[in-house]
C-alpha atoms as a PDB file:
ATOM      1  CA  MET A   1      40.239 271.305  40.786  1.00  0.00           C
ATOM      2  CA  SER A   2      38.896 272.355  37.389  1.00  0.00           C
ATOM      3  CA  GLN A   3      40.547 270.769  34.344  1.00  0.00           C
ATOM      4  CA  ILE A   4      41.234 274.305  33.110  1.00  0.00           C
ATOM      5  CA  PRO A   5      43.641 276.050  35.511  1.00  0.00           C
ATOM      6  CA  THR A   6      42.823 279.584  36.591  1.00  0.00           C
ATOM      7  CA  VAL A   7      45.363 282.333  37.144  1.00  0.00           C
ATOM      8  CA  THR A   8      44.666 282.132  40.879  1.00  0.00           C
ATOM      9  CA  PHE A   9      45.414 278.408  40.838  1.00  0.00           C
ATOM     10  CA  LEU A  10      48.619 278.974  38.856  1.00  0.00           C
ATOM     11  CA  ARG A  11      49.837 281.500  41.418  1.00  0.00           C
ATOM     12  CA  SER A  12      49.052 279.140  44.300  1.00  0.00           C
ATOM     13  CA  GLN A  13      50.953 276.319  42.589  1.00  0.00           C
ATOM     14  CA  LEU A  14      53.963 278.558  42.004  1.00  0.00           C
ATOM     15  CA  ARG A  15      54.026 279.355  45.716  1.00  0.00           C
ATOM     16  CA  ARG A  16      53.470 275.695  46.657  1.00  0.00           C
ATOM     17  CA  ALA A  17      56.280 274.485  44.366  1.00  0.00           C
ATOM     18  CA  ARG A  18      58.698 277.034  45.775  1.00  0.00           C
ATOM     19  CA  GLN A  19      57.852 276.169  49.364  1.00  0.00           C
ATOM     20  CA  GLY A  20      58.009 272.455  48.547  1.00  0.00           C
ATOM     21  CA  ARG A  21      61.657 272.930  47.572  1.00  0.00           C
ATOM     22  CA  GLY A  22      62.308 274.795  50.811  1.00  0.00           C
ATOM     23  CA  LEU A  23      63.072 278.050  49.031  1.00  0.00           C
ATOM     24  CA  SER A  24      62.263 281.547  50.211  1.00  0.00           C
ATOM     25  CA  GLN A  25      61.151 284.148  47.695  1.00  0.00           C
ATOM     26  CA  GLU A  26      64.601 285.692  47.875  1.00  0.00           C
ATOM     27  CA  GLU A  27      66.325 282.337  47.224  1.00  0.00           C
ATOM     28  CA  LEU A  28      64.108 281.568  44.249  1.00  0.00           C
ATOM     29  CA  GLY A  29      64.689 285.075  42.951  1.00  0.00           C
ATOM     30  CA  ARG A  30      68.451 284.550  42.984  1.00  0.00           C
ATOM     31  CA  LEU A  31      68.044 281.296  41.028  1.00  0.00           C
ATOM     32  CA  ILE A  32      65.944 282.882  38.277  1.00  0.00           C
ATOM     33  CA  ASN A  33      67.430 286.418  38.307  1.00  0.00           C
ATOM     34  CA  TYR A  34      64.296 288.083  39.679  1.00  0.00           C
ATOM     35  CA  SER A  35      64.138 290.173  42.844  1.00  0.00           C
ATOM     36  CA  SER A  36      62.329 288.817  45.886  1.00  0.00           C
ATOM     37  CA  SER A  37      59.791 291.641  45.527  1.00  0.00           C
ATOM     38  CA  GLN A  38      59.067 290.567  41.949  1.00  0.00           C
ATOM     39  CA  VAL A  39      58.587 286.950  43.042  1.00  0.00           C
ATOM     40  CA  SER A  40      56.252 288.107  45.803  1.00  0.00           C
ATOM     41  CA  ALA A  41      54.260 290.349  43.452  1.00  0.00           C
ATOM     42  CA  ILE A  42      53.706 287.507  40.991  1.00  0.00           C
ATOM     43  CA  GLU A  43      52.670 285.049  43.702  1.00  0.00           C
ATOM     44  CA  THR A  44      50.239 287.508  45.306  1.00  0.00           C
ATOM     45  CA  GLY A  45      48.735 288.847  42.089  1.00  0.00           C
ATOM     46  CA  ASP A  46      50.201 292.334  42.227  1.00  0.00           C
ATOM     47  CA  ARG A  47      52.054 291.615  38.996  1.00  0.00           C
ATOM     48  CA  PRO A  48      50.907 289.430  36.064  1.00  0.00           C
ATOM     49  CA  VAL A  49      52.557 286.103  35.434  1.00  0.00           C
ATOM     50  CA  ASN A  50      54.563 286.036  32.218  1.00  0.00           C
ATOM     51  CA  PRO A  51      56.156 283.373  30.004  1.00  0.00           C
ATOM     52  CA  ASP A  52      59.733 284.372  30.885  1.00  0.00           C
ATOM     53  CA  TYR A  53      59.157 284.055  34.628  1.00  0.00           C
ATOM     54  CA  LEU A  54      57.407 280.698  34.288  1.00  0.00           C
ATOM     55  CA  ALA A  55      60.091 279.297  31.994  1.00  0.00           C
ATOM     56  CA  ARG A  56      62.774 280.259  34.520  1.00  0.00           C
ATOM     57  CA  VAL A  57      60.825 278.703  37.396  1.00  0.00           C
ATOM     58  CA  ASP A  58      60.296 275.515  35.374  1.00  0.00           C
ATOM     59  CA  ALA A  59      64.045 275.312  34.723  1.00  0.00           C
ATOM     60  CA  ALA A  60      65.074 276.153  38.293  1.00  0.00           C
ATOM     61  CA  LEU A  61      62.635 273.709  39.901  1.00  0.00           C
ATOM     62  CA  ASP A  62      62.929 271.070  37.156  1.00  0.00           C
ATOM     63  CA  THR A  63      59.163 270.858  36.672  1.00  0.00           C
ATOM     64  CA  GLY A  64      59.296 269.700  33.068  1.00  0.00           C
ATOM     65  CA  GLY A  65      57.641 272.814  31.628  1.00  0.00           C
ATOM     66  CA  LEU A  66      54.567 272.467  33.858  1.00  0.00           C
ATOM     67  CA  PHE A  67      54.022 276.148  34.547  1.00  0.00           C
ATOM     68  CA  VAL A  68      54.555 277.282  30.958  1.00  0.00           C
ATOM     69  CA  ALA A  69      52.034 274.630  29.886  1.00  0.00           C
ATOM     70  CA  MET A  70      49.541 275.878  32.476  1.00  0.00           C
ATOM     71  CA  LEU A  71      49.884 279.407  31.123  1.00  0.00           C
ATOM     72  CA  GLU A  72      49.249 278.147  27.605  1.00  0.00           C
ATOM     73  CA  LEU A  73      46.053 276.446  28.799  1.00  0.00           C
ATOM     74  CA  ILE A  74      44.906 279.629  30.520  1.00  0.00           C
ATOM     75  CA  ARG A  75      45.807 281.675  27.467  1.00  0.00           C
ATOM     76  CA  PHE A  76      43.928 279.323  25.142  1.00  0.00           C
ATOM     77  CA  HIS A  77      40.758 279.211  27.224  1.00  0.00           C
ATOM     78  CA  ALA A  78      40.806 282.918  28.058  1.00  0.00           C
ATOM     79  CA  ALA A  79      40.387 283.740  24.387  1.00  0.00           C
ATOM     80  CA  PRO A  80      36.886 283.618  22.872  1.00  0.00           C
ATOM     81  CA  ASP A  81      36.382 280.728  20.458  1.00  0.00           C
ATOM     82  CA  TRP A  82      36.268 283.046  17.466  1.00  0.00           C
ATOM     83  CA  PHE A  83      39.660 284.600  18.321  1.00  0.00           C
ATOM     84  CA  ARG A  84      41.682 281.387  18.605  1.00  0.00           C
ATOM     85  CA  PRO A  85      42.245 280.865  14.857  1.00  0.00           C
ATOM     86  CA  TRP A  86      43.650 284.380  14.552  1.00  0.00           C
ATOM     87  CA  GLU A  87      45.879 283.943  17.580  1.00  0.00           C
ATOM     88  CA  GLU A  88      47.527 280.963  15.864  1.00  0.00           C
ATOM     89  CA  ILE A  89      47.974 282.973  12.662  1.00  0.00           C
ATOM     90  CA  GLU A  90      49.484 285.824  14.663  1.00  0.00           C
ATOM     91  CA  ARG A  91      52.067 283.470  16.150  1.00  0.00           C
ATOM     92  CA  GLU A  92      53.100 282.203  12.718  1.00  0.00           C
ATOM     93  CA  ALA A  93      53.204 285.582  11.015  1.00  0.00           C
ATOM     94  CA  THR A  94      56.460 287.021   9.724  1.00  0.00           C
ATOM     95  CA  ALA A  95      54.903 290.471   9.341  1.00  0.00           C
ATOM     96  CA  LEU A  96      51.883 292.195  10.882  1.00  0.00           C
ATOM     97  CA  ARG A  97      50.271 295.425   9.726  1.00  0.00           C
ATOM     98  CA  TRP A  98      47.806 296.704  12.313  1.00  0.00           C
ATOM     99  CA  TYR A  99      45.512 299.704  11.989  1.00  0.00           C
ATOM    100  CA  GLU A 100      43.635 300.758  15.128  1.00  0.00           C
ATOM    101  CA  ALA A 101      41.256 303.702  15.083  1.00  0.00           C
ATOM    102  CA  ASN A 102      40.164 303.963  18.705  1.00  0.00           C
ATOM    103  CA  ALA A 103      42.673 302.336  21.054  1.00  0.00           C
ATOM    104  CA  VAL A 104      46.255 301.181  21.430  1.00  0.00           C
ATOM    105  CA  PRO A 105      46.734 297.819  19.645  1.00  0.00           C
ATOM    106  CA  GLY A 106      46.635 294.820  21.978  1.00  0.00           C
ATOM    107  CA  LEU A 107      50.227 293.785  21.245  1.00  0.00           C
ATOM    108  CA  LEU A 108      51.396 297.196  22.465  1.00  0.00           C
ATOM    109  CA  GLN A 109      49.224 297.597  25.566  1.00  0.00           C
ATOM    110  CA  THR A 110      50.542 297.814  29.095  1.00  0.00           C
ATOM    111  CA  GLU A 111      49.063 295.709  31.868  1.00  0.00           C
ATOM    112  CA  GLY A 112      47.263 298.719  33.356  1.00  0.00           C
ATOM    113  CA  TYR A 113      45.784 299.802  30.027  1.00  0.00           C
ATOM    114  CA  ALA A 114      44.609 296.277  29.171  1.00  0.00           C
ATOM    115  CA  ARG A 115      43.105 295.773  32.625  1.00  0.00           C
ATOM    116  CA  ALA A 116      41.249 299.106  32.516  1.00  0.00           C
ATOM    117  CA  MET A 117      39.944 298.461  29.008  1.00  0.00           C
ATOM    118  CA  LEU A 118      38.711 294.951  29.809  1.00  0.00           C
ATOM    119  CA  GLY A 119      37.064 296.170  33.010  1.00  0.00           C
ATOM    120  CA  VAL A 120      34.777 298.677  31.270  1.00  0.00           C
ATOM    121  CA  GLY A 121      31.100 297.691  31.147  1.00  0.00           C
ATOM    122  CA  GLY A 122      31.184 295.087  33.893  1.00  0.00           C
ATOM    123  CA  GLU A 123      30.713 292.210  31.425  1.00  0.00           C
ATOM    124  CA  LEU A 124      33.659 290.174  32.738  1.00  0.00           C
ATOM    125  CA  THR A 125      34.289 288.776  36.212  1.00  0.00           C
ATOM    126  CA  ALA A 126      37.497 289.664  38.042  1.00  0.00           C
ATOM    127  CA  GLU A 127      38.902 286.197  37.264  1.00  0.00           C
ATOM    128  CA  GLU A 128      38.020 286.556  33.568  1.00  0.00           C
ATOM    129  CA  ILE A 129      39.672 289.975  33.421  1.00  0.00           C
ATOM    130  CA  GLU A 130      42.810 288.594  35.088  1.00  0.00           C
ATOM    131  CA  ALA A 131      42.956 285.661  32.666  1.00  0.00           C
ATOM    132  CA  ARG A 132      42.541 287.894  29.635  1.00  0.00           C
ATOM    133  CA  VAL A 133      45.161 290.356  30.861  1.00  0.00           C
ATOM    134  CA  VAL A 134      47.625 287.504  31.392  1.00  0.00           C
ATOM    135  CA  ALA A 135      46.776 286.088  27.960  1.00  0.00           C
ATOM    136  CA  ARG A 136      47.157 289.461  26.248  1.00  0.00           C
ATOM    137  CA  LEU A 137      50.542 290.118  27.835  1.00  0.00           C
ATOM    138  CA  ALA A 138      51.661 286.579  26.976  1.00  0.00           C
ATOM    139  CA  ARG A 139      50.778 287.238  23.323  1.00  0.00           C
ATOM    140  CA  GLN A 140      53.231 290.124  23.330  1.00  0.00           C
ATOM    141  CA  SER A 141      56.146 287.731  23.815  1.00  0.00           C
ATOM    142  CA  LEU A 142      56.096 287.070  20.065  1.00  0.00           C
ATOM    143  CA  LEU A 143      57.580 290.553  19.563  1.00  0.00           C
ATOM    144  CA  THR A 144      60.688 289.545  21.508  1.00  0.00           C
ATOM    145  CA  GLY A 145      60.876 285.913  20.408  1.00  0.00           C
ATOM    146  CA  ASP A 146      63.034 284.262  17.787  1.00  0.00           C
ATOM    147  CA  PRO A 147      62.269 284.869  15.001  1.00  0.00           C
ATOM    148  CA  ARG A 148      60.476 288.149  15.591  1.00  0.00           C
ATOM    149  CA  PRO A 149      57.776 289.364  13.217  1.00  0.00           C
ATOM    150  CA  GLN A 150      57.900 292.856  11.789  1.00  0.00           C
ATOM    151  CA  LEU A 151      55.031 294.889  13.242  1.00  0.00           C
ATOM    152  CA  VAL A 152      53.863 298.161  11.765  1.00  0.00           C
ATOM    153  CA  ALA A 153      51.142 299.634  13.967  1.00  0.00           C
ATOM    154  CA  VAL A 154      49.220 302.683  12.796  1.00  0.00           C
ATOM    155  CA  LEU A 155      46.846 304.366  15.214  1.00  0.00           C
ATOM    156  CA  GLU A 156      44.840 307.545  15.266  1.00  0.00           C
ATOM    157  CA  GLU A 157      45.971 310.428  17.468  1.00  0.00           C
ATOM    158  CA  GLN A 158      42.586 310.255  19.221  1.00  0.00           C
ATOM    159  CA  ALA A 159      43.560 306.819  20.539  1.00  0.00           C
ATOM    160  CA  LEU A 160      46.450 308.473  22.391  1.00  0.00           C
ATOM    161  CA  ARG A 161      44.216 311.163  23.854  1.00  0.00           C
ATOM    162  CA  ARG A 162      41.227 309.038  24.888  1.00  0.00           C
ATOM    163  CA  GLN A 163      41.638 308.207  28.572  1.00  0.00           C
ATOM    164  CA  VAL A 164      41.675 304.527  29.515  1.00  0.00           C
ATOM    165  CA  GLY A 165      42.032 304.023  33.252  1.00  0.00           C
ATOM    166  CA  ASP A 166      43.531 306.915  35.213  1.00  0.00           C
ATOM    167  CA  ARG A 167      46.175 309.383  34.113  1.00  0.00           C
ATOM    168  CA  SER A 168      49.037 307.263  35.425  1.00  0.00           C
ATOM    169  CA  VAL A 169      47.828 304.400  33.208  1.00  0.00           C
ATOM    170  CA  MET A 170      47.981 306.721  30.207  1.00  0.00           C
ATOM    171  CA  ARG A 171      51.449 308.014  31.171  1.00  0.00           C
ATOM    172  CA  ASP A 172      52.750 304.458  31.421  1.00  0.00           C
ATOM    173  CA  GLN A 173      51.109 303.547  28.126  1.00  0.00           C
ATOM    174  CA  MET A 174      52.711 306.462  26.273  1.00  0.00           C
ATOM    175  CA  ALA A 175      56.116 305.571  27.737  1.00  0.00           C
ATOM    176  CA  HIS A 176      55.643 301.952  26.677  1.00  0.00           C
ATOM    177  CA  LEU A 177      54.707 302.962  23.124  1.00  0.00           C
ATOM    178  CA  LEU A 178      57.888 304.995  22.858  1.00  0.00           C
ATOM    179  CA  ALA A 179      60.029 302.181  24.269  1.00  0.00           C
ATOM    180  CA  VAL A 180      58.635 299.344  22.184  1.00  0.00           C
ATOM    181  CA  GLY A 181      58.456 301.595  19.120  1.00  0.00           C
ATOM    182  CA  ALA A 182      62.228 302.010  19.332  1.00  0.00           C
ATOM    183  CA  GLU A 183      62.740 298.282  18.762  1.00  0.00           C
ATOM    184  CA  PRO A 184      63.994 297.473  15.251  1.00  0.00           C
ATOM    185  CA  ASN A 185      61.078 295.129  14.462  1.00  0.00           C
ATOM    186  CA  VAL A 186      58.330 297.497  15.669  1.00  0.00           C
ATOM    187  CA  HIS A 187      57.234 300.667  13.885  1.00  0.00           C
ATOM    188  CA  VAL A 188      54.569 302.814  15.539  1.00  0.00           C
ATOM    189  CA  ARG A 189      53.017 305.486  13.332  1.00  0.00           C
ATOM    190  CA  VAL A 190      50.311 307.990  14.189  1.00  0.00           C
ATOM    191  CA  VAL A 191      47.661 309.609  12.016  1.00  0.00           C
ATOM    192  CA  PRO A 192      47.337 313.232  13.217  1.00  0.00           C
ATOM    193  CA  ALA A 193      43.920 314.384  14.398  1.00  0.00           C
ATOM    194  CA  ALA A 194      43.977 317.116  11.736  1.00  0.00           C
ATOM    195  CA  SER A 195      44.108 314.560   8.909  1.00  0.00           C
ATOM    196  CA  PRO A 196      41.028 314.379   6.665  1.00  0.00           C
ATOM    197  CA  TRP A 197      38.702 311.389   6.497  1.00  0.00           C
ATOM    198  CA  HIS A 198      40.338 308.285   5.029  1.00  0.00           C
ATOM    199  CA  THR A 199      38.977 304.838   4.251  1.00  0.00           C
ATOM    200  CA  GLY A 200      40.689 303.230   7.237  1.00  0.00           C
ATOM    201  CA  LEU A 201      38.287 305.024   9.560  1.00  0.00           C
ATOM    202  CA  GLY A 202      35.620 302.545   8.473  1.00  0.00           C
ATOM    203  CA  GLY A 203      37.056 300.144  11.038  1.00  0.00           C
ATOM    204  CA  SER A 204      40.201 298.661  12.558  1.00  0.00           C
ATOM    205  CA  PHE A 205      41.909 295.695  10.906  1.00  0.00           C
ATOM    206  CA  ILE A 206      45.071 293.606  10.934  1.00  0.00           C
ATOM    207  CA  LEU A 207      46.949 292.069   7.998  1.00  0.00           C
ATOM    208  CA  ALA A 208      49.281 289.123   8.566  1.00  0.00           C
ATOM    209  CA  ARG A 209      51.870 287.752   6.153  1.00  0.00           C
ATOM    210  CA  LEU A 210      52.918 284.149   6.711  1.00  0.00           C
ATOM    211  CA  ASP A 211      56.157 282.442   5.778  1.00  0.00           C
ATOM    212  CA  GLY A 212      55.711 281.664   2.089  1.00  0.00           C
ATOM    213  CA  GLY A 213      53.859 284.881   1.301  1.00  0.00           C
ATOM    214  CA  ALA A 214      50.227 284.027   2.105  1.00  0.00           C
ATOM    215  CA  GLU A 215      48.249 286.920   3.577  1.00  0.00           C
ATOM    216  CA  LEU A 216      45.251 286.863   5.882  1.00  0.00           C
ATOM    217  CA  ALA A 217      43.333 289.533   7.751  1.00  0.00           C
ATOM    218  CA  TYR A 218      41.361 290.054  10.935  1.00  0.00           C
ATOM    219  CA  LEU A 219      38.352 292.292  11.524  1.00  0.00           C
ATOM    220  CA  ASP A 220      36.595 293.163  14.783  1.00  0.00           C
ATOM    221  CA  ASN A 221      33.041 294.245  15.500  1.00  0.00           C
ATOM    222  CA  GLN A 222      30.938 294.825  18.607  1.00  0.00           C
ATOM    223  CA  LEU A 223      30.220 291.118  19.104  1.00  0.00           C
ATOM    224  CA  ARG A 224      33.140 289.109  17.737  1.00  0.00           C
ATOM    225  CA  GLY A 225      36.129 289.055  15.430  1.00  0.00           C
ATOM    226  CA  GLN A 226      36.505 287.418  12.041  1.00  0.00           C
ATOM    227  CA  THR A 227      39.513 285.907  10.296  1.00  0.00           C
ATOM    228  CA  VAL A 228      39.445 286.773   6.592  1.00  0.00           C
ATOM    229  CA  ASP A 229      41.190 284.632   3.971  1.00  0.00           C
ATOM    230  CA  ALA A 230      39.311 285.450   0.749  1.00  0.00           C
ATOM    231  CA  PRO A 231      41.954 286.938  -1.597  1.00  0.00           C
ATOM    232  CA  ASN A 232      39.703 289.739  -2.856  1.00  0.00           C
ATOM    233  CA  ASP A 233      38.834 290.831   0.682  1.00  0.00           C
ATOM    234  CA  VAL A 234      42.450 290.714   1.828  1.00  0.00           C
ATOM    235  CA  ALA A 235      43.458 292.737  -1.248  1.00  0.00           C
ATOM    236  CA  ALA A 236      40.750 295.327  -0.478  1.00  0.00           C
ATOM    237  CA  LEU A 237      42.091 295.712   3.048  1.00  0.00           C
ATOM    238  CA  GLY A 238      45.578 296.052   1.593  1.00  0.00           C
ATOM    239  CA  ARG A 239      44.369 299.044  -0.411  1.00  0.00           C
ATOM    240  CA  ARG A 240      42.869 300.535   2.742  1.00  0.00           C
ATOM    241  CA  TRP A 241      46.224 300.034   4.430  1.00  0.00           C
ATOM    242  CA  GLU A 242      47.828 302.150   1.737  1.00  0.00           C
ATOM    243  CA  SER A 243      45.261 304.856   2.435  1.00  0.00           C
ATOM    244  CA  VAL A 244      45.980 304.659   6.185  1.00  0.00           C
ATOM    245  CA  THR A 245      49.758 304.829   5.847  1.00  0.00           C
ATOM    246  CA  GLY A 246      49.420 307.696   3.395  1.00  0.00           C
ATOM    247  CA  GLU A 247      47.937 309.781   6.210  1.00  0.00           C
ATOM    248  CA  ALA A 248      50.276 308.578   9.001  1.00  0.00           C
ATOM    249  CA  LEU A 249      53.339 310.473  10.119  1.00  0.00           C
ATOM    250  CA  PRO A 250      56.754 308.826   9.603  1.00  0.00           C
ATOM    251  CA  ARG A 251      58.158 306.831  12.508  1.00  0.00           C
ATOM    252  CA  ARG A 252      60.286 309.581  14.085  1.00  0.00           C
ATOM    253  CA  GLN A 253      57.641 312.273  13.731  1.00  0.00           C
ATOM    254  CA  SER A 254      55.122 309.868  15.250  1.00  0.00           C
ATOM    255  CA  ALA A 255      57.419 309.372  18.242  1.00  0.00           C
ATOM    256  CA  ARG A 256      57.612 313.131  18.722  1.00  0.00           C
ATOM    257  CA  LEU A 257      53.823 313.377  18.637  1.00  0.00           C
ATOM    258  CA  ILE A 258      53.542 310.586  21.223  1.00  0.00           C
ATOM    259  CA  GLU A 259      56.022 312.495  23.404  1.00  0.00           C
ATOM    260  CA  GLU A 260      53.877 315.618  23.105  1.00  0.00           C
ATOM    261  CA  VAL A 261      50.721 313.699  24.035  1.00  0.00           C
ATOM    262  CA  ALA A 262      52.538 312.058  26.947  1.00  0.00           C
ATOM    263  CA  LYS A 263      53.139 315.493  28.479  1.00  0.00           C
ATOM    264  CA  THR A 264      49.397 316.082  28.587  1.00  0.00           C
ATOM    265  CA  TRP A 265      49.001 313.039  30.850  1.00  0.00           C
ATOM    266  CA  THR A 266      51.482 314.266  33.472  1.00  0.00           C
END
């Protein structure tokens, strides 16, 4: 086998470990508080593997954290080299401020939305898409971890109305935004389409505050992303954040707008 496990290999090893203990999918499900259909969907690839499931399997089968470690390897190698430094910063952040002009931020994407977005253009193989989807969903666990960072995500209304995948993907994505946006550590705000030009429209960016107060930023372009640590540059992006939030609706009004947009996808 390759030294770097693939998602397909991880699924096969989950099935092999379960069968090696003489457990049916239903019996394993009872041990880890998952339904047999959920166990089946994860083993067959109809549902992405996730850190919670793997941690429960590791505990139930006493595998010493093997499957969680395999996911971390997949997650690490699925990310482009230039993204890995930011991913570590993201994990350590106590607060994240994310402005996205054209799409739903990655930490708030559903599986279907992420899969459809990554599949556009035909640049990635099916295995690469699967690995990146799994990695992206695994990143989202930081929003429910302990401690949890505060996330303020500001996105343009056009990002809610631009179709990614089919209409059911968009319906699910709107519902997910409303659900996760109701969590106390997540604020989702929307800039209405009628708002005038503001400096944030020059490009999406993320600001991260670390324990101790240090701030860093992340910028994306067509080819790669860049972690920014120069104080003057981070301060300039902070001023652009103020411009962005000055145009965004408050949290509750944003939720109402998302609800209105969701109706258009039914």
